[in-house]
ModelCIF file with pLDDT and N, C-alpha, C, O atoms, coordinates in Angstrom:
data_MODEL
#
_entry.id   MODEL 
#
_entity.id                         1 
_entity.type                       polymer 
_entity.pdbx_number_of_molecules   1 
#
_entity_poly.entity_id                      1 
_entity_poly.type                           'polypeptide(L)' 
_entity_poly.nstd_linkage                   no 
_entity_poly.nstd_monomer                   no 
_entity_poly.pdbx_seq_one_letter_code       LRHDLKNIVSSIDFYADNSDYENIKVITRKILGQEVFNRKITGCIPID 
_entity_poly.pdbx_seq_one_letter_code_can   LRHDLKNIVSSIDFYADNSDYENIKVITRKILGQEVFNRKITGCIPID 
_entity_poly.pdbx_strand_id                 A 
#
loop_
_entity_poly_seq.entity_id 
_entity_poly_seq.num 
_entity_poly_seq.mon_id 
_entity_poly_seq.hetero 
1 1  LEU n 
1 2  ARG n 
1 3  HIS n 
1 4  ASP n 
1 5  LEU n 
1 6  LYS n 
1 7  ASN n 
1 8  ILE n 
1 9  VAL n 
1 10 SER n 
1 11 SER n 
1 12 ILE n 
1 13 ASP n 
1 14 PHE n 
1 15 TYR n 
1 16 ALA n 
1 17 ASP n 
1 18 ASN n 
1 19 SER n 
1 20 ASP n 
1 21 TYR n 
1 22 GLU n 
1 23 ASN n 
1 24 ILE n 
1 25 LYS n 
1 26 VAL n 
1 27 ILE n 
1 28 THR n 
1 29 ARG n 
1 30 LYS n 
1 31 ILE n 
1 32 LEU n 
1 33 GLY n 
1 34 GLN n 
1 35 GLU n 
1 36 VAL n 
1 37 PHE n 
1 38 ASN n 
1 39 ARG n 
1 40 LYS n 
1 41 ILE n 
1 42 THR n 
1 43 GLY n 
1 44 CYS n 
1 45 ILE n 
1 46 PRO n 
1 47 ILE n 
1 48 ASP n 
#
_struct_asym.id          A 
_struct_asym.entity_id   1 
#
loop_
_ma_qa_metric.id 
_ma_qa_metric.mode 
_ma_qa_metric.name 
_ma_qa_metric.software_group_id 
_ma_qa_metric.type 
1 global pLDDT . pLDDT 
2 local  pLDDT . pLDDT 
#
_ma_qa_metric_global.metric_id      1 
_ma_qa_metric_global.metric_value   66.50 
_ma_qa_metric_global.model_id       1 
_ma_qa_metric_global.ordinal_id     1 
#
loop_
_ma_qa_metric_local.label_asym_id 
_ma_qa_metric_local.label_comp_id 
_ma_qa_metric_local.label_seq_id 
_ma_qa_metric_local.metric_id 
_ma_qa_metric_local.metric_value 
_ma_qa_metric_local.model_id 
_ma_qa_metric_local.ordinal_id 
A LEU 1  2 59.00 1 1  
A ARG 2  2 62.00 1 2  
A HIS 3  2 55.00 1 3  
A ASP 4  2 60.00 1 4  
A LEU 5  2 63.00 1 5  
A LYS 6  2 62.00 1 6  
A ASN 7  2 65.00 1 7  
A ILE 8  2 66.00 1 8  
A VAL 9  2 72.00 1 9  
A SER 10 2 70.00 1 10 
A SER 11 2 71.00 1 11 
A ILE 12 2 74.00 1 12 
A ASP 13 2 72.00 1 13 
A PHE 14 2 70.00 1 14 
A TYR 15 2 72.00 1 15 
A ALA 16 2 77.00 1 16 
A ASP 17 2 75.00 1 17 
A ASN 18 2 76.00 1 18 
A SER 19 2 78.00 1 19 
A ASP 20 2 76.00 1 20 
A TYR 21 2 73.00 1 21 
A GLU 22 2 77.00 1 22 
A ASN 23 2 74.00 1 23 
A ILE 24 2 72.00 1 24 
A LYS 25 2 69.00 1 25 
A VAL 26 2 71.00 1 26 
A ILE 27 2 68.00 1 27 
A THR 28 2 68.00 1 28 
A ARG 29 2 64.00 1 29 
A LYS 30 2 65.00 1 30 
A ILE 31 2 62.00 1 31 
A LEU 32 2 52.00 1 32 
A GLY 33 2 52.00 1 33 
A GLN 34 2 46.00 1 34 
A GLU 35 2 44.00 1 35 
A VAL 36 2 41.00 1 36 
A PHE 37 2 39.00 1 37 
A ASN 38 2 43.00 1 38 
A ARG 39 2 53.00 1 39 
A LYS 40 2 65.00 1 40 
A ILE 41 2 75.00 1 41 
A THR 42 2 76.00 1 42 
A GLY 43 2 73.00 1 43 
A CYS 44 2 78.00 1 44 
A ILE 45 2 75.00 1 45 
A PRO 46 2 77.00 1 46 
A ILE 47 2 83.00 1 47 
A ASP 48 2 82.00 1 48 
#
loop_
_atom_site.group_PDB 
_atom_site.id 
_atom_site.type_symbol 
_atom_site.label_atom_id 
_atom_site.label_alt_id 
_atom_site.label_comp_id 
_atom_site.label_asym_id 
_atom_site.label_entity_id 
_atom_site.label_seq_id 
_atom_site.pdbx_PDB_ins_code 
_atom_site.Cartn_x 
_atom_site.Cartn_y 
_atom_site.Cartn_z 
_atom_site.occupancy 
_atom_site.B_iso_or_equiv 
_atom_site.pdbx_formal_charge 
_atom_site.auth_seq_id 
_atom_site.auth_comp_id 
_atom_site.auth_asym_id 
_atom_site.auth_atom_id 
_atom_site.pdbx_PDB_model_num 
ATOM 1   N N  . LEU A 1 1  ? 122.652 82.417 55.158 1.00 59.00 ? 1  LEU A N  1 
ATOM 2   C CA . LEU A 1 1  ? 123.229 82.518 56.490 1.00 59.00 ? 1  LEU A CA 1 
ATOM 3   C C  . LEU A 1 1  ? 124.159 83.723 56.595 1.00 59.00 ? 1  LEU A C  1 
ATOM 4   O O  . LEU A 1 1  ? 124.129 84.460 57.581 1.00 59.00 ? 1  LEU A O  1 
ATOM 5   N N  . ARG A 1 2  ? 124.992 83.916 55.559 1.00 62.00 ? 2  ARG A N  1 
ATOM 6   C CA . ARG A 1 2  ? 125.911 85.063 55.573 1.00 62.00 ? 2  ARG A CA 1 
ATOM 7   C C  . ARG A 1 2  ? 125.133 86.387 55.606 1.00 62.00 ? 2  ARG A C  1 
ATOM 8   O O  . ARG A 1 2  ? 125.518 87.340 56.283 1.00 62.00 ? 2  ARG A O  1 
ATOM 9   N N  . HIS A 1 3  ? 124.011 86.410 54.842 1.00 55.00 ? 3  HIS A N  1 
ATOM 10  C CA . HIS A 1 3  ? 123.195 87.626 54.829 1.00 55.00 ? 3  HIS A CA 1 
ATOM 11  C C  . HIS A 1 3  ? 122.566 87.878 56.200 1.00 55.00 ? 3  HIS A C  1 
ATOM 12  O O  . HIS A 1 3  ? 122.560 89.002 56.702 1.00 55.00 ? 3  HIS A O  1 
ATOM 13  N N  . ASP A 1 4  ? 122.033 86.794 56.796 1.00 60.00 ? 4  ASP A N  1 
ATOM 14  C CA . ASP A 1 4  ? 121.383 86.929 58.096 1.00 60.00 ? 4  ASP A CA 1 
ATOM 15  C C  . ASP A 1 4  ? 122.388 87.212 59.204 1.00 60.00 ? 4  ASP A C  1 
ATOM 16  O O  . ASP A 1 4  ? 122.053 87.814 60.225 1.00 60.00 ? 4  ASP A O  1 
ATOM 17  N N  . LEU A 1 5  ? 123.627 86.769 58.988 1.00 63.00 ? 5  LEU A N  1 
ATOM 18  C CA . LEU A 1 5  ? 124.643 86.909 60.039 1.00 63.00 ? 5  LEU A CA 1 
ATOM 19  C C  . LEU A 1 5  ? 124.897 88.383 60.374 1.00 63.00 ? 5  LEU A C  1 
ATOM 20  O O  . LEU A 1 5  ? 125.158 88.728 61.527 1.00 63.00 ? 5  LEU A O  1 
ATOM 21  N N  . LYS A 1 6  ? 124.819 89.242 59.361 1.00 62.00 ? 6  LYS A N  1 
ATOM 22  C CA . LYS A 1 6  ? 125.034 90.670 59.615 1.00 62.00 ? 6  LYS A CA 1 
ATOM 23  C C  . LYS A 1 6  ? 123.981 91.202 60.584 1.00 62.00 ? 6  LYS A C  1 
ATOM 24  O O  . LYS A 1 6  ? 124.293 91.933 61.524 1.00 62.00 ? 6  LYS A O  1 
ATOM 25  N N  . ASN A 1 7  ? 122.725 90.818 60.333 1.00 65.00 ? 7  ASN A N  1 
ATOM 26  C CA . ASN A 1 7  ? 121.649 91.266 61.224 1.00 65.00 ? 7  ASN A CA 1 
ATOM 27  C C  . ASN A 1 7  ? 121.794 90.662 62.615 1.00 65.00 ? 7  ASN A C  1 
ATOM 28  O O  . ASN A 1 7  ? 121.534 91.318 63.624 1.00 65.00 ? 7  ASN A O  1 
ATOM 29  N N  . ILE A 1 8  ? 122.218 89.385 62.652 1.00 66.00 ? 8  ILE A N  1 
ATOM 30  C CA . ILE A 1 8  ? 122.384 88.713 63.948 1.00 66.00 ? 8  ILE A CA 1 
ATOM 31  C C  . ILE A 1 8  ? 123.481 89.382 64.762 1.00 66.00 ? 8  ILE A C  1 
ATOM 32  O O  . ILE A 1 8  ? 123.314 89.638 65.955 1.00 66.00 ? 8  ILE A O  1 
ATOM 33  N N  . VAL A 1 9  ? 124.615 89.666 64.102 1.00 72.00 ? 9  VAL A N  1 
ATOM 34  C CA . VAL A 1 9  ? 125.734 90.317 64.795 1.00 72.00 ? 9  VAL A CA 1 
ATOM 35  C C  . VAL A 1 9  ? 125.327 91.703 65.276 1.00 72.00 ? 9  VAL A C  1 
ATOM 36  O O  . VAL A 1 9  ? 125.699 92.116 66.375 1.00 72.00 ? 9  VAL A O  1 
ATOM 37  N N  . SER A 1 10 ? 124.567 92.421 64.458 1.00 70.00 ? 10 SER A N  1 
ATOM 38  C CA . SER A 1 10 ? 124.090 93.755 64.862 1.00 70.00 ? 10 SER A CA 1 
ATOM 39  C C  . SER A 1 10 ? 123.214 93.661 66.102 1.00 70.00 ? 10 SER A C  1 
ATOM 40  O O  . SER A 1 10 ? 123.313 94.487 67.008 1.00 70.00 ? 10 SER A O  1 
ATOM 41  N N  . SER A 1 11 ? 122.343 92.632 66.134 1.00 71.00 ? 11 SER A N  1 
ATOM 42  C CA . SER A 1 11 ? 121.466 92.446 67.302 1.00 71.00 ? 11 SER A CA 1 
ATOM 43  C C  . SER A 1 11 ? 122.282 92.137 68.553 1.00 71.00 ? 11 SER A C  1 
ATOM 44  O O  . SER A 1 11 ? 122.025 92.683 69.625 1.00 71.00 ? 11 SER A O  1 
ATOM 45  N N  . ILE A 1 12 ? 123.281 91.241 68.400 1.00 74.00 ? 12 ILE A N  1 
ATOM 46  C CA . ILE A 1 12 ? 124.134 90.878 69.546 1.00 74.00 ? 12 ILE A CA 1 
ATOM 47  C C  . ILE A 1 12 ? 124.886 92.117 70.036 1.00 74.00 ? 12 ILE A C  1 
ATOM 48  O O  . ILE A 1 12 ? 125.015 92.343 71.239 1.00 74.00 ? 12 ILE A O  1 
ATOM 49  N N  . ASP A 1 13 ? 125.381 92.917 69.080 1.00 72.00 ? 13 ASP A N  1 
ATOM 50  C CA . ASP A 1 13 ? 126.120 94.132 69.457 1.00 72.00 ? 13 ASP A CA 1 
ATOM 51  C C  . ASP A 1 13 ? 125.219 95.096 70.220 1.00 72.00 ? 13 ASP A C  1 
ATOM 52  O O  . ASP A 1 13 ? 125.636 95.710 71.202 1.00 72.00 ? 13 ASP A O  1 
ATOM 53  N N  . PHE A 1 14 ? 123.970 95.222 69.749 1.00 70.00 ? 14 PHE A N  1 
ATOM 54  C CA . PHE A 1 14 ? 123.015 96.105 70.424 1.00 70.00 ? 14 PHE A CA 1 
ATOM 55  C C  . PHE A 1 14 ? 122.746 95.636 71.857 1.00 70.00 ? 14 PHE A C  1 
ATOM 56  O O  . PHE A 1 14 ? 122.787 96.430 72.797 1.00 70.00 ? 14 PHE A O  1 
ATOM 57  N N  . TYR A 1 15 ? 122.468 94.331 72.011 1.00 72.00 ? 15 TYR A N  1 
ATOM 58  C CA . TYR A 1 15 ? 122.184 93.797 73.347 1.00 72.00 ? 15 TYR A CA 1 
ATOM 59  C C  . TYR A 1 15 ? 123.421 93.864 74.251 1.00 72.00 ? 15 TYR A C  1 
ATOM 60  O O  . TYR A 1 15 ? 123.302 94.050 75.462 1.00 72.00 ? 15 TYR A O  1 
ATOM 61  N N  . ALA A 1 16 ? 124.595 93.712 73.658 1.00 77.00 ? 16 ALA A N  1 
ATOM 62  C CA . ALA A 1 16 ? 125.820 93.791 74.461 1.00 77.00 ? 16 ALA A CA 1 
ATOM 63  C C  . ALA A 1 16 ? 126.021 95.204 75.007 1.00 77.00 ? 16 ALA A C  1 
ATOM 64  O O  . ALA A 1 16 ? 126.412 95.387 76.160 1.00 77.00 ? 16 ALA A O  1 
ATOM 65  N N  . ASP A 1 17 ? 125.743 96.222 74.143 1.00 75.00 ? 17 ASP A N  1 
ATOM 66  C CA . ASP A 1 17 ? 125.880 97.608 74.599 1.00 75.00 ? 17 ASP A CA 1 
ATOM 67  C C  . ASP A 1 17 ? 124.941 97.898 75.754 1.00 75.00 ? 17 ASP A C  1 
ATOM 68  O O  . ASP A 1 17 ? 125.243 98.733 76.607 1.00 75.00 ? 17 ASP A O  1 
ATOM 69  N N  . ASN A 1 18 ? 123.799 97.214 75.790 1.00 76.00 ? 18 ASN A N  1 
ATOM 70  C CA . ASN A 1 18 ? 122.819 97.430 76.843 1.00 76.00 ? 18 ASN A CA 1 
ATOM 71  C C  . ASN A 1 18 ? 122.906 96.388 77.959 1.00 76.00 ? 18 ASN A C  1 
ATOM 72  O O  . ASN A 1 18 ? 122.049 96.321 78.840 1.00 76.00 ? 18 ASN A O  1 
ATOM 73  N N  . SER A 1 19 ? 123.980 95.566 77.894 1.00 78.00 ? 19 SER A N  1 
ATOM 74  C CA . SER A 1 19 ? 124.201 94.529 78.924 1.00 78.00 ? 19 SER A CA 1 
ATOM 75  C C  . SER A 1 19 ? 123.006 93.582 79.049 1.00 78.00 ? 19 SER A C  1 
ATOM 76  O O  . SER A 1 19 ? 122.721 93.069 80.131 1.00 78.00 ? 19 SER A O  1 
ATOM 77  N N  . ASP A 1 20 ? 122.315 93.358 77.938 1.00 76.00 ? 20 ASP A N  1 
ATOM 78  C CA . ASP A 1 20 ? 121.151 92.459 77.943 1.00 76.00 ? 20 ASP A CA 1 
ATOM 79  C C  . ASP A 1 20 ? 121.628 91.039 77.578 1.00 76.00 ? 20 ASP A C  1 
ATOM 80  O O  . ASP A 1 20 ? 121.448 90.571 76.454 1.00 76.00 ? 20 ASP A O  1 
ATOM 81  N N  . TYR A 1 21 ? 122.242 90.376 78.571 1.00 73.00 ? 21 TYR A N  1 
ATOM 82  C CA . TYR A 1 21 ? 122.854 89.070 78.306 1.00 73.00 ? 21 TYR A CA 1 
ATOM 83  C C  . TYR A 1 21 ? 121.815 87.968 78.068 1.00 73.00 ? 21 TYR A C  1 
ATOM 84  O O  . TYR A 1 21 ? 122.109 86.977 77.400 1.00 73.00 ? 21 TYR A O  1 
ATOM 85  N N  . GLU A 1 22 ? 120.617 88.135 78.605 1.00 77.00 ? 22 GLU A N  1 
ATOM 86  C CA . GLU A 1 22 ? 119.596 87.109 78.411 1.00 77.00 ? 22 GLU A CA 1 
ATOM 87  C C  . GLU A 1 22 ? 119.204 86.987 76.937 1.00 77.00 ? 22 GLU A C  1 
ATOM 88  O O  . GLU A 1 22 ? 119.079 85.882 76.409 1.00 77.00 ? 22 GLU A O  1 
ATOM 89  N N  . ASN A 1 23 ? 119.009 88.141 76.275 1.00 74.00 ? 23 ASN A N  1 
ATOM 90  C CA . ASN A 1 23 ? 118.668 88.103 74.853 1.00 74.00 ? 23 ASN A CA 1 
ATOM 91  C C  . ASN A 1 23 ? 119.833 87.613 74.000 1.00 74.00 ? 23 ASN A C  1 
ATOM 92  O O  . ASN A 1 23 ? 119.619 86.980 72.966 1.00 74.00 ? 23 ASN A O  1 
ATOM 93  N N  . ILE A 1 24 ? 121.074 87.901 74.427 1.00 72.00 ? 24 ILE A N  1 
ATOM 94  C CA . ILE A 1 24 ? 122.247 87.374 73.716 1.00 72.00 ? 24 ILE A CA 1 
ATOM 95  C C  . ILE A 1 24 ? 122.242 85.846 73.776 1.00 72.00 ? 24 ILE A C  1 
ATOM 96  O O  . ILE A 1 24 ? 122.509 85.177 72.779 1.00 72.00 ? 24 ILE A O  1 
ATOM 97  N N  . LYS A 1 25 ? 121.929 85.294 74.977 1.00 69.00 ? 25 LYS A N  1 
ATOM 98  C CA . LYS A 1 25 ? 121.869 83.841 75.129 1.00 69.00 ? 25 LYS A CA 1 
ATOM 99  C C  . LYS A 1 25 ? 120.773 83.240 74.236 1.00 69.00 ? 25 LYS A C  1 
ATOM 100 O O  . LYS A 1 25 ? 120.969 82.186 73.630 1.00 69.00 ? 25 LYS A O  1 
ATOM 101 N N  . VAL A 1 26 ? 119.623 83.918 74.162 1.00 71.00 ? 26 VAL A N  1 
ATOM 102 C CA . VAL A 1 26 ? 118.528 83.423 73.325 1.00 71.00 ? 26 VAL A CA 1 
ATOM 103 C C  . VAL A 1 26 ? 118.962 83.337 71.857 1.00 71.00 ? 26 VAL A C  1 
ATOM 104 O O  . VAL A 1 26 ? 118.700 82.347 71.175 1.00 71.00 ? 26 VAL A O  1 
ATOM 105 N N  . ILE A 1 27 ? 119.633 84.398 71.388 1.00 68.00 ? 27 ILE A N  1 
ATOM 106 C CA . ILE A 1 27 ? 120.075 84.447 69.983 1.00 68.00 ? 27 ILE A CA 1 
ATOM 107 C C  . ILE A 1 27 ? 121.102 83.358 69.702 1.00 68.00 ? 27 ILE A C  1 
ATOM 108 O O  . ILE A 1 27 ? 120.988 82.645 68.705 1.00 68.00 ? 27 ILE A O  1 
ATOM 109 N N  . THR A 1 28 ? 122.111 83.219 70.574 1.00 68.00 ? 28 THR A N  1 
ATOM 110 C CA . THR A 1 28 ? 123.177 82.232 70.339 1.00 68.00 ? 28 THR A CA 1 
ATOM 111 C C  . THR A 1 28 ? 122.643 80.806 70.390 1.00 68.00 ? 28 THR A C  1 
ATOM 112 O O  . THR A 1 28 ? 123.044 79.954 69.597 1.00 68.00 ? 28 THR A O  1 
ATOM 113 N N  . ARG A 1 29 ? 121.724 80.551 71.341 1.00 64.00 ? 29 ARG A N  1 
ATOM 114 C CA . ARG A 1 29 ? 121.157 79.193 71.414 1.00 64.00 ? 29 ARG A CA 1 
ATOM 115 C C  . ARG A 1 29 ? 120.309 78.878 70.175 1.00 64.00 ? 29 ARG A C  1 
ATOM 116 O O  . ARG A 1 29 ? 120.296 77.750 69.682 1.00 64.00 ? 29 ARG A O  1 
ATOM 117 N N  . LYS A 1 30 ? 119.615 79.888 69.695 1.00 65.00 ? 30 LYS A N  1 
ATOM 118 C CA . LYS A 1 30 ? 118.812 79.698 68.500 1.00 65.00 ? 30 LYS A CA 1 
ATOM 119 C C  . LYS A 1 30 ? 119.708 79.385 67.297 1.00 65.00 ? 30 LYS A C  1 
ATOM 120 O O  . LYS A 1 30 ? 119.385 78.522 66.481 1.00 65.00 ? 30 LYS A O  1 
ATOM 121 N N  . ILE A 1 31 ? 120.839 80.097 67.199 1.00 62.00 ? 31 ILE A N  1 
ATOM 122 C CA . ILE A 1 31 ? 121.788 79.860 66.104 1.00 62.00 ? 31 ILE A CA 1 
ATOM 123 C C  . ILE A 1 31 ? 122.373 78.450 66.187 1.00 62.00 ? 31 ILE A C  1 
ATOM 124 O O  . ILE A 1 31 ? 122.432 77.734 65.187 1.00 62.00 ? 31 ILE A O  1 
ATOM 125 N N  . LEU A 1 32 ? 122.797 78.064 67.372 1.00 52.00 ? 32 LEU A N  1 
ATOM 126 C CA . LEU A 1 32 ? 123.427 76.747 67.549 1.00 52.00 ? 32 LEU A CA 1 
ATOM 127 C C  . LEU A 1 32 ? 122.459 75.615 67.272 1.00 52.00 ? 32 LEU A C  1 
ATOM 128 O O  . LEU A 1 32 ? 122.881 74.501 66.963 1.00 52.00 ? 32 LEU A O  1 
ATOM 129 N N  . GLY A 1 33 ? 121.168 75.886 67.378 1.00 52.00 ? 33 GLY A N  1 
ATOM 130 C CA . GLY A 1 33 ? 120.183 74.831 67.113 1.00 52.00 ? 33 GLY A CA 1 
ATOM 131 C C  . GLY A 1 33 ? 119.774 74.729 65.669 1.00 52.00 ? 33 GLY A C  1 
ATOM 132 O O  . GLY A 1 33 ? 119.032 73.817 65.305 1.00 52.00 ? 33 GLY A O  1 
ATOM 133 N N  . GLN A 1 34 ? 120.237 75.644 64.828 1.00 46.00 ? 34 GLN A N  1 
ATOM 134 C CA . GLN A 1 34 ? 119.852 75.609 63.426 1.00 46.00 ? 34 GLN A CA 1 
ATOM 135 C C  . GLN A 1 34 ? 120.507 74.437 62.709 1.00 46.00 ? 34 GLN A C  1 
ATOM 136 O O  . GLN A 1 34 ? 121.662 74.104 62.975 1.00 46.00 ? 34 GLN A O  1 
ATOM 137 N N  . GLU A 1 35 ? 119.754 73.804 61.787 1.00 44.00 ? 35 GLU A N  1 
ATOM 138 C CA . GLU A 1 35 ? 120.216 72.608 61.080 1.00 44.00 ? 35 GLU A CA 1 
ATOM 139 C C  . GLU A 1 35 ? 121.429 72.903 60.216 1.00 44.00 ? 35 GLU A C  1 
ATOM 140 O O  . GLU A 1 35 ? 122.300 72.049 60.052 1.00 44.00 ? 35 GLU A O  1 
ATOM 141 N N  . VAL A 1 36 ? 121.489 74.112 59.660 1.00 41.00 ? 36 VAL A N  1 
ATOM 142 C CA . VAL A 1 36 ? 122.577 74.416 58.752 1.00 41.00 ? 36 VAL A CA 1 
ATOM 143 C C  . VAL A 1 36 ? 123.927 74.347 59.452 1.00 41.00 ? 36 VAL A C  1 
ATOM 144 O O  . VAL A 1 36 ? 124.921 73.974 58.828 1.00 41.00 ? 36 VAL A O  1 
ATOM 145 N N  . PHE A 1 37 ? 123.986 74.702 60.747 1.00 39.00 ? 37 PHE A N  1 
ATOM 146 C CA . PHE A 1 37 ? 125.244 74.594 61.472 1.00 39.00 ? 37 PHE A CA 1 
ATOM 147 C C  . PHE A 1 37 ? 125.584 73.136 61.770 1.00 39.00 ? 37 PHE A C  1 
ATOM 148 O O  . PHE A 1 37 ? 126.752 72.749 61.773 1.00 39.00 ? 37 PHE A O  1 
ATOM 149 N N  . ASN A 1 38 ? 124.562 72.344 62.016 1.00 43.00 ? 38 ASN A N  1 
ATOM 150 C CA . ASN A 1 38 ? 124.812 70.935 62.294 1.00 43.00 ? 38 ASN A CA 1 
ATOM 151 C C  . ASN A 1 38 ? 125.339 70.188 61.087 1.00 43.00 ? 38 ASN A C  1 
ATOM 152 O O  . ASN A 1 38 ? 125.945 69.126 61.231 1.00 43.00 ? 38 ASN A O  1 
ATOM 153 N N  . ARG A 1 39 ? 125.121 70.722 59.912 1.00 53.00 ? 39 ARG A N  1 
ATOM 154 C CA . ARG A 1 39 ? 125.552 70.048 58.697 1.00 53.00 ? 39 ARG A CA 1 
ATOM 155 C C  . ARG A 1 39 ? 127.037 70.229 58.407 1.00 53.00 ? 39 ARG A C  1 
ATOM 156 O O  . ARG A 1 39 ? 127.611 69.471 57.626 1.00 53.00 ? 39 ARG A O  1 
ATOM 157 N N  . LYS A 1 40 ? 127.655 71.211 59.018 1.00 65.00 ? 40 LYS A N  1 
ATOM 158 C CA . LYS A 1 40 ? 129.063 71.464 58.710 1.00 65.00 ? 40 LYS A CA 1 
ATOM 159 C C  . LYS A 1 40 ? 129.930 70.353 59.284 1.00 65.00 ? 40 LYS A C  1 
ATOM 160 O O  . LYS A 1 40 ? 129.928 70.109 60.491 1.00 65.00 ? 40 LYS A O  1 
ATOM 161 N N  . ILE A 1 41 ? 130.678 69.675 58.399 1.00 75.00 ? 41 ILE A N  1 
ATOM 162 C CA . ILE A 1 41 ? 131.565 68.595 58.836 1.00 75.00 ? 41 ILE A CA 1 
ATOM 163 C C  . ILE A 1 41 ? 133.016 69.007 58.640 1.00 75.00 ? 41 ILE A C  1 
ATOM 164 O O  . ILE A 1 41 ? 133.806 69.003 59.584 1.00 75.00 ? 41 ILE A O  1 
ATOM 165 N N  . THR A 1 42 ? 133.362 69.365 57.399 1.00 76.00 ? 42 THR A N  1 
ATOM 166 C CA . THR A 1 42 ? 134.725 69.832 57.122 1.00 76.00 ? 42 THR A CA 1 
ATOM 167 C C  . THR A 1 42 ? 134.757 71.334 56.853 1.00 76.00 ? 42 THR A C  1 
ATOM 168 O O  . THR A 1 42 ? 135.794 71.979 57.004 1.00 76.00 ? 42 THR A O  1 
ATOM 169 N N  . GLY A 1 43 ? 133.606 71.884 56.453 1.00 73.00 ? 43 GLY A N  1 
ATOM 170 C CA . GLY A 1 43 ? 133.558 73.281 56.043 1.00 73.00 ? 43 GLY A CA 1 
ATOM 171 C C  . GLY A 1 43 ? 133.705 73.431 54.541 1.00 73.00 ? 43 GLY A C  1 
ATOM 172 O O  . GLY A 1 43 ? 133.438 74.498 53.988 1.00 73.00 ? 43 GLY A O  1 
ATOM 173 N N  . CYS A 1 44 ? 134.135 72.348 53.870 1.00 78.00 ? 44 CYS A N  1 
ATOM 174 C CA . CYS A 1 44 ? 134.255 72.348 52.410 1.00 78.00 ? 44 CYS A CA 1 
ATOM 175 C C  . CYS A 1 44 ? 132.914 71.848 51.850 1.00 78.00 ? 44 CYS A C  1 
ATOM 176 O O  . CYS A 1 44 ? 132.574 70.674 51.996 1.00 78.00 ? 44 CYS A O  1 
ATOM 177 N N  . ILE A 1 45 ? 132.170 72.737 51.217 1.00 75.00 ? 45 ILE A N  1 
ATOM 178 C CA . ILE A 1 45 ? 130.784 72.458 50.857 1.00 75.00 ? 45 ILE A CA 1 
ATOM 179 C C  . ILE A 1 45 ? 130.617 71.204 49.993 1.00 75.00 ? 45 ILE A C  1 
ATOM 180 O O  . ILE A 1 45 ? 129.761 70.380 50.315 1.00 75.00 ? 45 ILE A O  1 
ATOM 181 N N  . PRO A 1 46 ? 131.396 71.010 48.901 1.00 77.00 ? 46 PRO A N  1 
ATOM 182 C CA . PRO A 1 46 ? 131.187 69.796 48.088 1.00 77.00 ? 46 PRO A CA 1 
ATOM 183 C C  . PRO A 1 46 ? 131.366 68.508 48.885 1.00 77.00 ? 46 PRO A C  1 
ATOM 184 O O  . PRO A 1 46 ? 130.574 67.575 48.753 1.00 77.00 ? 46 PRO A O  1 
ATOM 185 N N  . ILE A 1 47 ? 132.408 68.462 49.710 1.00 83.00 ? 47 ILE A N  1 
ATOM 186 C CA . ILE A 1 47 ? 132.664 67.262 50.514 1.00 83.00 ? 47 ILE A CA 1 
ATOM 187 C C  . ILE A 1 47 ? 131.572 67.078 51.553 1.00 83.00 ? 47 ILE A C  1 
ATOM 188 O O  . ILE A 1 47 ? 131.092 65.965 51.768 1.00 83.00 ? 47 ILE A O  1 
ATOM 189 N N  . ASP A 1 48 ? 131.182 68.167 52.194 1.00 82.00 ? 48 ASP A N  1 
ATOM 190 C CA . ASP A 1 48 ? 130.131 68.082 53.215 1.00 82.00 ? 48 ASP A CA 1 
ATOM 191 C C  . ASP A 1 48 ? 128.804 67.612 52.619 1.00 82.00 ? 48 ASP A C  1 
ATOM 192 O O  . ASP A 1 48 ? 127.814 67.486 53.339 1.00 82.00 ? 48 ASP A O  1 
#
């Protein structure tokens, strides 16, 4: 996720510079739907 996050942030930055808010929404919704984010409870990996 940390590795992919750099590419994701770069994509969001690119779309933001071009005022392409629709693609920004697509990316953020896709991220929020990923299972790995749903698994975070405390943020402390062993406990989670």
